[in-house]
Amino acid sequence: MGENTTVLTDKILSRSEETATIKAPLEAVDIGDWLLNLPDKEYQRCAPPDHKAAGYSTAEDGKPMSINVEMIGTGLVVQHYVGEVISPQHCHMVSLSDVLTPHGWTTVQVTWDLSVTDNGDGTLTYTNQVTSRPTAENMAFNEKNGITFEEAARARQEASGDHCRRETPLFAASIERHALARAK
C-alpha cells in the first residue's frame, strides 16, 4: 500500500446502485449472517467471472471484516470490508482497497451498502450500493501515470456500474436462498 492512504472524501470515483427483488419473509432475511458466512464458491457464483475469492476475518479493533477479491474492469481489487453496521436488514461496509492496475498497485476507499426493504406484498427490495473514493496515494499514482481524475472516474464508473448490475440480482438470489433455508 502507498504511504498516503488518506481518503479524499470530497471526490467520488464511482457510485452504483442497483435493486432486485427477493421473495422471502423479512424476518427470515439476515444480510449480516449471509455476508459473514458466505461460502467462497457462492461468492464466486454471484458475479462470474469477476468474483475470485471471499474470506472473513476481523479488523484490529475486533470489528468483523469481509475480504473479497474481484476484478472491476481492468483492476484486480482486494477489499478489506470492515463492518460499520451489520444487522439483518442492513450492512454498511467500508474498505481501504488495494487495486492492481495495468500500471501497478494503488488504493481506493470502497463503501458497500446492502439493504432490504419490505414491499408489503410478500417481496423485498434488495439494494446494492457501491461508492468508490480516491486516496491521496491514488491521485498521485494516476498523475504519475498521466491519468486525469476525470478519466479515472469515467473508467471506474463504467466498470463498477457494469459489475454492480451483474452482481445485484445474483446477490439477491443468494440472500433469498439463505433466508428460505433459515425459515424452514
N, C-alpha and C. Protein backbone atom coordinates (compact mmCIF):
# COMPACT_ATOMS: atom_id res chain seq x y z
N MET A 1 0.84 -1.17 0.00
CA MET A 1 0.00 0.00 0.00
C MET A 1 0.89 1.24 0.00
N GLY A 2 0.41 2.28 -0.62
CA GLY A 2 1.15 3.53 -0.69
C GLY A 2 1.28 4.19 0.67
N GLU A 3 2.15 5.19 0.74
CA GLU A 3 2.39 5.85 2.03
C GLU A 3 1.30 6.82 2.43
N ASN A 4 0.47 7.27 1.48
CA ASN A 4 -0.57 8.23 1.84
C ASN A 4 -1.93 7.70 1.44
N THR A 5 -2.56 7.01 2.38
CA THR A 5 -3.87 6.42 2.11
C THR A 5 -5.01 7.27 2.65
N THR A 6 -4.75 8.57 2.84
CA THR A 6 -5.80 9.48 3.26
C THR A 6 -6.90 9.48 2.19
N VAL A 7 -8.13 9.25 2.62
CA VAL A 7 -9.26 9.22 1.69
C VAL A 7 -9.71 10.64 1.40
N LEU A 8 -9.90 10.92 0.12
CA LEU A 8 -10.38 12.24 -0.30
C LEU A 8 -11.90 12.19 -0.35
N THR A 9 -12.53 12.54 0.76
CA THR A 9 -13.98 12.39 0.90
C THR A 9 -14.78 13.34 0.01
N ASP A 10 -14.11 14.36 -0.54
CA ASP A 10 -14.83 15.31 -1.40
C ASP A 10 -14.86 14.86 -2.86
N LYS A 11 -14.25 13.72 -3.17
CA LYS A 11 -14.21 13.22 -4.54
C LYS A 11 -14.83 11.84 -4.61
N ILE A 12 -15.55 11.57 -5.71
CA ILE A 12 -16.15 10.26 -5.92
C ILE A 12 -15.65 9.73 -7.26
N LEU A 13 -15.03 8.54 -7.22
CA LEU A 13 -14.61 7.88 -8.45
C LEU A 13 -15.80 7.22 -9.13
N SER A 14 -16.65 6.58 -8.33
CA SER A 14 -17.83 5.91 -8.90
C SER A 14 -18.88 5.71 -7.83
N ARG A 15 -20.12 5.64 -8.29
CA ARG A 15 -21.23 5.33 -7.39
C ARG A 15 -22.25 4.55 -8.20
N SER A 16 -22.55 3.35 -7.75
CA SER A 16 -23.50 2.49 -8.43
C SER A 16 -24.54 2.01 -7.43
N GLU A 17 -25.78 2.01 -7.85
CA GLU A 17 -26.86 1.48 -7.01
C GLU A 17 -27.81 0.70 -7.90
N GLU A 18 -28.05 -0.53 -7.52
CA GLU A 18 -28.96 -1.41 -8.25
C GLU A 18 -29.88 -2.08 -7.24
N THR A 19 -31.05 -2.49 -7.71
CA THR A 19 -32.00 -3.19 -6.85
C THR A 19 -32.45 -4.48 -7.53
N ALA A 20 -32.94 -5.40 -6.71
CA ALA A 20 -33.50 -6.66 -7.20
C ALA A 20 -34.53 -7.13 -6.18
N THR A 21 -35.42 -7.98 -6.61
CA THR A 21 -36.49 -8.48 -5.76
C THR A 21 -36.09 -9.78 -5.08
N ILE A 22 -36.45 -9.88 -3.81
CA ILE A 22 -36.28 -11.10 -3.02
C ILE A 22 -37.66 -11.56 -2.61
N LYS A 23 -37.94 -12.84 -2.82
CA LYS A 23 -39.22 -13.43 -2.42
C LYS A 23 -38.99 -14.28 -1.17
N ALA A 24 -39.01 -13.60 -0.04
CA ALA A 24 -38.81 -14.26 1.25
C ALA A 24 -39.36 -13.34 2.33
N PRO A 25 -39.77 -13.92 3.47
CA PRO A 25 -40.27 -13.07 4.56
C PRO A 25 -39.14 -12.22 5.14
N LEU A 26 -39.46 -10.97 5.45
CA LEU A 26 -38.48 -10.04 6.01
C LEU A 26 -37.79 -10.63 7.23
N GLU A 27 -38.57 -11.27 8.11
CA GLU A 27 -38.00 -11.79 9.35
C GLU A 27 -37.02 -12.94 9.12
N ALA A 28 -37.03 -13.56 7.93
CA ALA A 28 -36.08 -14.64 7.63
C ALA A 28 -34.78 -14.13 7.04
N VAL A 29 -34.78 -12.88 6.56
CA VAL A 29 -33.59 -12.33 5.93
C VAL A 29 -32.61 -11.83 6.99
N ASP A 30 -31.36 -12.24 6.84
CA ASP A 30 -30.29 -11.74 7.72
C ASP A 30 -29.06 -11.51 6.84
N ILE A 31 -28.98 -10.29 6.31
CA ILE A 31 -27.87 -9.96 5.41
C ILE A 31 -26.54 -10.08 6.14
N GLY A 32 -26.49 -9.67 7.40
CA GLY A 32 -25.24 -9.76 8.16
C GLY A 32 -24.76 -11.19 8.27
N ASP A 33 -25.67 -12.11 8.61
CA ASP A 33 -25.30 -13.52 8.72
C ASP A 33 -24.90 -14.07 7.35
N TRP A 34 -25.67 -13.71 6.32
CA TRP A 34 -25.35 -14.16 4.96
C TRP A 34 -23.95 -13.68 4.56
N LEU A 35 -23.68 -12.39 4.75
CA LEU A 35 -22.42 -11.81 4.31
C LEU A 35 -21.23 -12.40 5.04
N LEU A 36 -21.34 -12.57 6.35
CA LEU A 36 -20.20 -13.03 7.13
C LEU A 36 -20.05 -14.55 7.15
N ASN A 37 -20.94 -15.24 6.45
CA ASN A 37 -20.84 -16.70 6.32
C ASN A 37 -20.94 -17.16 4.88
N LEU A 38 -20.81 -16.24 3.94
CA LEU A 38 -20.94 -16.54 2.53
C LEU A 38 -19.79 -17.45 2.09
N PRO A 39 -20.11 -18.67 1.64
CA PRO A 39 -19.04 -19.56 1.18
C PRO A 39 -18.34 -18.98 -0.05
N ASP A 40 -17.06 -19.27 -0.16
CA ASP A 40 -16.23 -18.77 -1.24
C ASP A 40 -16.85 -19.09 -2.61
N LYS A 41 -17.29 -20.31 -2.82
CA LYS A 41 -17.87 -20.70 -4.13
C LYS A 41 -19.18 -19.96 -4.40
N GLU A 42 -19.98 -19.70 -3.37
CA GLU A 42 -21.22 -18.95 -3.56
C GLU A 42 -20.89 -17.51 -3.95
N TYR A 43 -19.88 -16.92 -3.32
CA TYR A 43 -19.45 -15.57 -3.69
C TYR A 43 -19.03 -15.56 -5.16
N GLN A 44 -18.29 -16.56 -5.59
CA GLN A 44 -17.85 -16.63 -6.98
C GLN A 44 -19.03 -16.73 -7.94
N ARG A 45 -20.08 -17.46 -7.54
CA ARG A 45 -21.28 -17.60 -8.40
C ARG A 45 -22.05 -16.29 -8.52
N CYS A 46 -21.82 -15.34 -7.62
CA CYS A 46 -22.58 -14.10 -7.62
C CYS A 46 -22.07 -13.05 -8.60
N ALA A 47 -20.99 -13.29 -9.30
CA ALA A 47 -20.54 -12.39 -10.38
C ALA A 47 -19.44 -13.06 -11.19
N PRO A 48 -19.78 -14.18 -11.82
CA PRO A 48 -18.75 -14.83 -12.63
C PRO A 48 -18.45 -13.99 -13.86
N PRO A 49 -17.24 -13.92 -14.32
CA PRO A 49 -16.02 -14.49 -13.74
C PRO A 49 -15.28 -13.49 -12.85
N ASP A 50 -15.92 -12.38 -12.47
CA ASP A 50 -15.24 -11.31 -11.72
C ASP A 50 -14.88 -11.67 -10.28
N HIS A 51 -15.80 -12.33 -9.57
CA HIS A 51 -15.54 -12.65 -8.16
C HIS A 51 -14.55 -13.81 -8.09
N LYS A 52 -13.45 -13.58 -7.41
CA LYS A 52 -12.38 -14.58 -7.32
C LYS A 52 -12.33 -15.30 -5.99
N ALA A 53 -12.56 -14.58 -4.88
CA ALA A 53 -12.46 -15.22 -3.57
C ALA A 53 -13.12 -14.35 -2.51
N ALA A 54 -13.60 -15.00 -1.46
CA ALA A 54 -14.16 -14.31 -0.30
C ALA A 54 -13.69 -15.03 0.96
N GLY A 55 -13.41 -14.25 1.97
CA GLY A 55 -13.00 -14.80 3.25
C GLY A 55 -13.40 -13.85 4.35
N TYR A 56 -13.16 -14.24 5.58
CA TYR A 56 -13.65 -13.47 6.72
C TYR A 56 -12.59 -13.42 7.79
N SER A 57 -12.51 -12.27 8.44
CA SER A 57 -11.53 -12.04 9.48
C SER A 57 -12.10 -10.97 10.41
N THR A 58 -11.22 -10.36 11.17
CA THR A 58 -11.61 -9.21 11.99
C THR A 58 -10.58 -8.10 11.78
N ALA A 59 -11.04 -6.89 11.93
CA ALA A 59 -10.15 -5.73 11.90
C ALA A 59 -9.39 -5.68 13.22
N GLU A 60 -8.38 -4.84 13.30
CA GLU A 60 -7.60 -4.73 14.53
C GLU A 60 -8.44 -4.35 15.73
N ASP A 61 -9.54 -3.62 15.50
CA ASP A 61 -10.41 -3.22 16.61
C ASP A 61 -11.47 -4.27 16.94
N GLY A 62 -11.40 -5.43 16.27
CA GLY A 62 -12.33 -6.52 16.55
C GLY A 62 -13.59 -6.52 15.71
N LYS A 63 -13.79 -5.47 14.90
CA LYS A 63 -14.98 -5.45 14.04
C LYS A 63 -14.87 -6.55 12.98
N PRO A 64 -16.02 -7.15 12.61
CA PRO A 64 -15.99 -8.17 11.57
C PRO A 64 -15.54 -7.59 10.23
N MET A 65 -14.85 -8.43 9.46
CA MET A 65 -14.31 -7.99 8.18
C MET A 65 -14.59 -9.06 7.12
N SER A 66 -15.11 -8.61 5.99
CA SER A 66 -15.30 -9.45 4.82
C SER A 66 -14.18 -9.12 3.85
N ILE A 67 -13.43 -10.11 3.44
CA ILE A 67 -12.34 -9.90 2.49
C ILE A 67 -12.77 -10.47 1.15
N ASN A 68 -12.80 -9.60 0.14
CA ASN A 68 -13.24 -10.01 -1.20
C ASN A 68 -12.15 -9.70 -2.20
N VAL A 69 -11.98 -10.60 -3.15
CA VAL A 69 -11.05 -10.39 -4.25
C VAL A 69 -11.87 -10.49 -5.53
N GLU A 70 -11.82 -9.42 -6.34
CA GLU A 70 -12.61 -9.42 -7.57
C GLU A 70 -11.98 -8.52 -8.62
N MET A 71 -12.39 -8.74 -9.85
CA MET A 71 -11.98 -7.88 -10.96
C MET A 71 -13.06 -6.82 -11.14
N ILE A 72 -12.63 -5.56 -11.20
CA ILE A 72 -13.52 -4.45 -11.55
C ILE A 72 -12.86 -3.81 -12.76
N GLY A 73 -13.40 -4.04 -13.93
CA GLY A 73 -12.77 -3.55 -15.15
C GLY A 73 -11.43 -4.23 -15.32
N THR A 74 -10.37 -3.42 -15.45
CA THR A 74 -9.02 -3.98 -15.62
C THR A 74 -8.25 -4.07 -14.31
N GLY A 75 -8.92 -3.77 -13.18
CA GLY A 75 -8.24 -3.79 -11.89
C GLY A 75 -8.61 -5.01 -11.06
N LEU A 76 -7.59 -5.66 -10.50
CA LEU A 76 -7.81 -6.72 -9.52
C LEU A 76 -7.90 -6.03 -8.17
N VAL A 77 -9.04 -6.14 -7.51
CA VAL A 77 -9.30 -5.40 -6.27
C VAL A 77 -9.33 -6.35 -5.09
N VAL A 78 -8.53 -6.03 -4.07
CA VAL A 78 -8.53 -6.78 -2.82
C VAL A 78 -9.20 -5.87 -1.80
N GLN A 79 -10.39 -6.27 -1.38
CA GLN A 79 -11.19 -5.43 -0.49
C GLN A 79 -11.16 -5.97 0.94
N HIS A 80 -11.01 -5.06 1.87
CA HIS A 80 -10.95 -5.38 3.30
C HIS A 80 -12.15 -4.68 3.95
N TYR A 81 -13.35 -5.19 3.72
CA TYR A 81 -14.57 -4.53 4.17
C TYR A 81 -14.78 -4.69 5.67
N VAL A 82 -14.66 -3.59 6.39
CA VAL A 82 -14.91 -3.58 7.83
C VAL A 82 -16.38 -3.23 8.05
N GLY A 83 -17.04 -4.03 8.88
CA GLY A 83 -18.46 -3.83 9.15
C GLY A 83 -18.71 -2.66 10.07
N GLU A 84 -19.16 -1.54 9.50
CA GLU A 84 -19.56 -0.38 10.31
C GLU A 84 -20.96 -0.59 10.87
N VAL A 85 -21.84 -1.22 10.08
CA VAL A 85 -23.18 -1.62 10.51
C VAL A 85 -23.39 -3.03 9.97
N ILE A 86 -23.73 -3.94 10.86
CA ILE A 86 -24.06 -5.31 10.43
C ILE A 86 -25.32 -5.71 11.16
N SER A 87 -26.42 -5.80 10.41
CA SER A 87 -27.70 -6.17 11.00
C SER A 87 -28.46 -7.04 10.00
N PRO A 88 -29.58 -7.60 10.40
CA PRO A 88 -30.32 -8.46 9.48
C PRO A 88 -30.78 -7.77 8.20
N GLN A 89 -31.19 -6.51 8.26
CA GLN A 89 -31.70 -5.85 7.07
C GLN A 89 -30.77 -4.80 6.47
N HIS A 90 -29.59 -4.60 7.08
CA HIS A 90 -28.69 -3.56 6.56
C HIS A 90 -27.25 -3.84 6.97
N CYS A 91 -26.36 -3.77 6.00
CA CYS A 91 -24.92 -3.83 6.28
C CYS A 91 -24.25 -2.66 5.58
N HIS A 92 -23.39 -1.99 6.30
CA HIS A 92 -22.62 -0.87 5.76
C HIS A 92 -21.15 -1.23 5.98
N MET A 93 -20.46 -1.49 4.88
CA MET A 93 -19.09 -2.00 4.92
C MET A 93 -18.16 -0.97 4.27
N VAL A 94 -16.99 -0.74 4.88
CA VAL A 94 -16.03 0.23 4.34
C VAL A 94 -14.67 -0.44 4.22
N SER A 95 -14.08 -0.29 3.04
CA SER A 95 -12.79 -0.92 2.75
C SER A 95 -11.77 0.08 2.24
N LEU A 96 -10.56 0.01 2.74
CA LEU A 96 -9.43 0.64 2.09
C LEU A 96 -8.87 -0.48 1.20
N SER A 97 -9.16 -0.39 -0.09
CA SER A 97 -8.92 -1.50 -1.01
C SER A 97 -7.62 -1.32 -1.79
N ASP A 98 -6.93 -2.42 -1.97
CA ASP A 98 -5.73 -2.46 -2.81
C ASP A 98 -6.18 -2.82 -4.22
N VAL A 99 -5.66 -2.08 -5.22
CA VAL A 99 -6.07 -2.31 -6.60
C VAL A 99 -4.82 -2.51 -7.45
N LEU A 100 -4.74 -3.66 -8.13
CA LEU A 100 -3.67 -3.91 -9.08
C LEU A 100 -4.17 -3.52 -10.46
N THR A 101 -3.61 -2.45 -11.00
CA THR A 101 -3.98 -1.94 -12.32
C THR A 101 -2.89 -2.31 -13.32
N PRO A 102 -3.12 -2.06 -14.61
CA PRO A 102 -2.05 -2.29 -15.58
C PRO A 102 -0.79 -1.47 -15.30
N HIS A 103 -0.90 -0.39 -14.48
CA HIS A 103 0.24 0.47 -14.14
C HIS A 103 0.88 0.12 -12.80
N GLY A 104 0.31 -0.82 -12.06
CA GLY A 104 0.83 -1.19 -10.74
C GLY A 104 -0.25 -1.07 -9.67
N TRP A 105 0.18 -1.11 -8.41
CA TRP A 105 -0.73 -1.09 -7.27
C TRP A 105 -1.10 0.33 -6.86
N THR A 106 -2.34 0.50 -6.42
CA THR A 106 -2.81 1.75 -5.84
C THR A 106 -3.88 1.41 -4.80
N THR A 107 -4.47 2.43 -4.19
CA THR A 107 -5.52 2.21 -3.19
C THR A 107 -6.71 3.12 -3.47
N VAL A 108 -7.88 2.63 -3.10
CA VAL A 108 -9.11 3.43 -3.13
C VAL A 108 -9.94 3.01 -1.92
N GLN A 109 -10.83 3.88 -1.51
CA GLN A 109 -11.79 3.51 -0.47
C GLN A 109 -13.07 3.07 -1.18
N VAL A 110 -13.61 1.93 -0.75
CA VAL A 110 -14.86 1.44 -1.31
C VAL A 110 -15.85 1.26 -0.16
N THR A 111 -17.03 1.85 -0.32
CA THR A 111 -18.11 1.68 0.65
C THR A 111 -19.19 0.84 -0.02
N TRP A 112 -19.57 -0.24 0.67
CA TRP A 112 -20.57 -1.18 0.14
C TRP A 112 -21.73 -1.17 1.12
N ASP A 113 -22.89 -0.81 0.63
CA ASP A 113 -24.09 -0.74 1.45
C ASP A 113 -25.11 -1.73 0.90
N LEU A 114 -25.53 -2.67 1.72
CA LEU A 114 -26.50 -3.71 1.34
C LEU A 114 -27.71 -3.56 2.24
N SER A 115 -28.91 -3.55 1.66
CA SER A 115 -30.10 -3.41 2.50
C SER A 115 -31.30 -4.06 1.84
N VAL A 116 -32.31 -4.35 2.65
CA VAL A 116 -33.60 -4.82 2.15
C VAL A 116 -34.70 -3.98 2.76
N THR A 117 -35.75 -3.75 1.96
CA THR A 117 -36.95 -3.08 2.46
C THR A 117 -38.15 -3.94 2.09
N ASP A 118 -39.12 -3.94 2.95
CA ASP A 118 -40.34 -4.73 2.76
C ASP A 118 -41.27 -3.99 1.81
N ASN A 119 -41.72 -4.66 0.77
CA ASN A 119 -42.65 -4.06 -0.18
C ASN A 119 -44.11 -4.21 0.23
N GLY A 120 -44.37 -4.98 1.31
CA GLY A 120 -45.73 -5.15 1.80
C GLY A 120 -46.56 -6.14 0.99
N ASP A 121 -45.94 -6.79 0.03
CA ASP A 121 -46.68 -7.75 -0.81
C ASP A 121 -46.04 -9.13 -0.81
N GLY A 122 -45.25 -9.42 0.21
CA GLY A 122 -44.56 -10.70 0.28
C GLY A 122 -43.20 -10.69 -0.41
N THR A 123 -42.81 -9.52 -0.94
CA THR A 123 -41.49 -9.40 -1.56
C THR A 123 -40.69 -8.32 -0.85
N LEU A 124 -39.39 -8.36 -1.07
CA LEU A 124 -38.48 -7.38 -0.52
C LEU A 124 -37.69 -6.78 -1.67
N THR A 125 -37.26 -5.55 -1.49
CA THR A 125 -36.34 -4.95 -2.45
C THR A 125 -34.95 -4.95 -1.83
N TYR A 126 -34.04 -5.61 -2.52
CA TYR A 126 -32.63 -5.62 -2.13
C TYR A 126 -31.94 -4.48 -2.86
N THR A 127 -31.21 -3.65 -2.12
CA THR A 127 -30.45 -2.56 -2.71
C THR A 127 -28.97 -2.80 -2.47
N ASN A 128 -28.22 -2.75 -3.56
CA ASN A 128 -26.77 -2.97 -3.55
C ASN A 128 -26.14 -1.66 -4.03
N GLN A 129 -25.46 -0.98 -3.12
CA GLN A 129 -24.87 0.33 -3.45
C GLN A 129 -23.37 0.29 -3.18
N VAL A 130 -22.59 0.74 -4.15
CA VAL A 130 -21.13 0.74 -4.03
C VAL A 130 -20.61 2.12 -4.43
N THR A 131 -19.82 2.72 -3.55
CA THR A 131 -19.22 4.03 -3.81
C THR A 131 -17.72 3.93 -3.62
N SER A 132 -16.97 4.45 -4.61
CA SER A 132 -15.50 4.44 -4.53
C SER A 132 -14.99 5.87 -4.47
N ARG A 133 -14.01 6.07 -3.57
CA ARG A 133 -13.35 7.38 -3.44
C ARG A 133 -11.84 7.18 -3.56
N PRO A 134 -11.17 8.17 -4.14
CA PRO A 134 -9.71 8.04 -4.25
C PRO A 134 -9.02 8.34 -2.92
N THR A 135 -7.84 7.79 -2.79
CA THR A 135 -6.95 8.19 -1.70
C THR A 135 -5.97 9.21 -2.29
N ALA A 136 -5.25 9.90 -1.41
CA ALA A 136 -4.22 10.82 -1.89
C ALA A 136 -3.18 10.05 -2.70
N GLU A 137 -2.87 8.84 -2.25
CA GLU A 137 -1.92 7.98 -2.96
C GLU A 137 -2.44 7.67 -4.36
N ASN A 138 -3.73 7.38 -4.48
CA ASN A 138 -4.34 7.08 -5.78
C ASN A 138 -4.26 8.28 -6.73
N MET A 139 -4.49 9.46 -6.21
CA MET A 139 -4.41 10.67 -7.04
C MET A 139 -2.98 10.86 -7.56
N ALA A 140 -1.99 10.67 -6.69
CA ALA A 140 -0.59 10.81 -7.11
C ALA A 140 -0.22 9.71 -8.10
N PHE A 141 -0.70 8.51 -7.87
CA PHE A 141 -0.46 7.38 -8.77
C PHE A 141 -1.00 7.68 -10.17
N ASN A 142 -2.24 8.17 -10.22
CA ASN A 142 -2.83 8.49 -11.52
C ASN A 142 -2.08 9.63 -12.21
N GLU A 143 -1.72 10.64 -11.46
CA GLU A 143 -0.98 11.77 -12.04
C GLU A 143 0.35 11.28 -12.62
N LYS A 144 1.05 10.44 -11.87
CA LYS A 144 2.34 9.89 -12.32
C LYS A 144 2.16 9.09 -13.63
N ASN A 145 1.01 8.47 -13.79
CA ASN A 145 0.75 7.65 -14.97
C ASN A 145 -0.02 8.41 -16.07
N GLY A 146 -0.16 9.73 -15.91
CA GLY A 146 -0.78 10.55 -16.95
C GLY A 146 -2.28 10.36 -17.07
N ILE A 147 -2.92 9.98 -15.96
CA ILE A 147 -4.37 9.74 -15.95
C ILE A 147 -5.03 10.85 -15.15
N THR A 148 -5.94 11.60 -15.77
CA THR A 148 -6.64 12.65 -15.04
C THR A 148 -7.68 12.02 -14.12
N PHE A 149 -8.11 12.79 -13.12
CA PHE A 149 -9.16 12.30 -12.23
C PHE A 149 -10.42 11.98 -13.04
N GLU A 150 -10.75 12.84 -14.00
CA GLU A 150 -11.95 12.64 -14.82
C GLU A 150 -11.86 11.34 -15.61
N GLU A 151 -10.69 11.04 -16.16
CA GLU A 151 -10.51 9.78 -16.90
C GLU A 151 -10.62 8.58 -15.97
N ALA A 152 -10.01 8.67 -14.80
CA ALA A 152 -10.07 7.58 -13.83
C ALA A 152 -11.51 7.35 -13.36
N ALA A 153 -12.22 8.45 -13.08
CA ALA A 153 -13.61 8.35 -12.62
C ALA A 153 -14.51 7.77 -13.70
N ARG A 154 -14.32 8.19 -14.93
CA ARG A 154 -15.14 7.68 -16.03
C ARG A 154 -14.94 6.17 -16.19
N ALA A 155 -13.68 5.73 -16.18
CA ALA A 155 -13.38 4.30 -16.32
C ALA A 155 -13.92 3.50 -15.14
N ARG A 156 -13.75 4.03 -13.93
CA ARG A 156 -14.22 3.32 -12.73
C ARG A 156 -15.75 3.26 -12.71
N GLN A 157 -16.42 4.35 -13.10
CA GLN A 157 -17.88 4.37 -13.12
C GLN A 157 -18.42 3.34 -14.10
N GLU A 158 -17.83 3.30 -15.27
CA GLU A 158 -18.28 2.33 -16.28
C GLU A 158 -18.08 0.90 -15.79
N ALA A 159 -16.91 0.59 -15.26
CA ALA A 159 -16.61 -0.77 -14.80
C ALA A 159 -17.43 -1.15 -13.58
N SER A 160 -17.51 -0.25 -12.61
CA SER A 160 -18.25 -0.55 -11.39
C SER A 160 -19.75 -0.64 -11.65
N GLY A 161 -20.27 0.24 -12.50
CA GLY A 161 -21.68 0.18 -12.84
C GLY A 161 -22.05 -1.13 -13.49
N ASP A 162 -21.23 -1.58 -14.43
CA ASP A 162 -21.46 -2.86 -15.10
C ASP A 162 -21.40 -4.00 -14.09
N HIS A 163 -20.40 -3.98 -13.24
CA HIS A 163 -20.22 -5.04 -12.24
C HIS A 163 -21.42 -5.09 -11.28
N CYS A 164 -21.85 -3.94 -10.80
CA CYS A 164 -22.97 -3.88 -9.85
C CYS A 164 -24.27 -4.38 -10.51
N ARG A 165 -24.49 -4.03 -11.77
CA ARG A 165 -25.68 -4.50 -12.49
C ARG A 165 -25.71 -6.02 -12.59
N ARG A 166 -24.54 -6.63 -12.78
CA ARG A 166 -24.47 -8.08 -12.92
C ARG A 166 -24.55 -8.80 -11.58
N GLU A 167 -23.93 -8.25 -10.53
CA GLU A 167 -23.91 -8.97 -9.26
C GLU A 167 -25.19 -8.81 -8.44
N THR A 168 -25.89 -7.70 -8.58
CA THR A 168 -27.04 -7.43 -7.72
C THR A 168 -28.12 -8.51 -7.79
N PRO A 169 -28.60 -8.91 -8.97
CA PRO A 169 -29.62 -9.96 -8.97
C PRO A 169 -29.10 -11.30 -8.44
N LEU A 170 -27.83 -11.57 -8.62
CA LEU A 170 -27.26 -12.83 -8.12
C LEU A 170 -27.08 -12.78 -6.61
N PHE A 171 -26.69 -11.62 -6.06
CA PHE A 171 -26.65 -11.46 -4.60
C PHE A 171 -28.06 -11.63 -4.03
N ALA A 172 -29.05 -11.00 -4.66
CA ALA A 172 -30.44 -11.10 -4.17
C ALA A 172 -30.90 -12.55 -4.15
N ALA A 173 -30.59 -13.30 -5.20
CA ALA A 173 -30.99 -14.71 -5.25
C ALA A 173 -30.29 -15.51 -4.16
N SER A 174 -29.03 -15.20 -3.89
CA SER A 174 -28.29 -15.89 -2.84
C SER A 174 -28.85 -15.56 -1.46
N ILE A 175 -29.16 -14.28 -1.23
CA ILE A 175 -29.77 -13.87 0.05
C ILE A 175 -31.13 -14.54 0.21
N GLU A 176 -31.90 -14.62 -0.87
CA GLU A 176 -33.20 -15.29 -0.83
C GLU A 176 -33.05 -16.76 -0.44
N ARG A 177 -32.12 -17.48 -1.07
CA ARG A 177 -31.89 -18.89 -0.72
C ARG A 177 -31.51 -19.03 0.74
N HIS A 178 -30.63 -18.13 1.21
CA HIS A 178 -30.21 -18.15 2.62
C HIS A 178 -31.40 -17.93 3.53
N ALA A 179 -32.25 -16.97 3.19
CA ALA A 179 -33.43 -16.66 4.01
C ALA A 179 -34.42 -17.83 4.04
N LEU A 180 -34.68 -18.41 2.88
CA LEU A 180 -35.64 -19.51 2.81
C LEU A 180 -35.12 -20.74 3.56
N ALA A 181 -33.83 -20.97 3.54
CA ALA A 181 -33.24 -22.09 4.30
C ALA A 181 -33.38 -21.83 5.80
N ARG A 182 -33.24 -20.57 6.23
CA ARG A 182 -33.39 -20.21 7.64
C ARG A 182 -34.84 -20.33 8.10
N ALA A 183 -35.79 -20.08 7.16
CA ALA A 183 -37.21 -20.06 7.50
C ALA A 183 -37.78 -21.47 7.70
N LYS A 184 -37.06 -22.47 7.26
CA LYS A 184 -37.57 -23.86 7.36
C LYS A 184 -37.60 -24.35 8.79
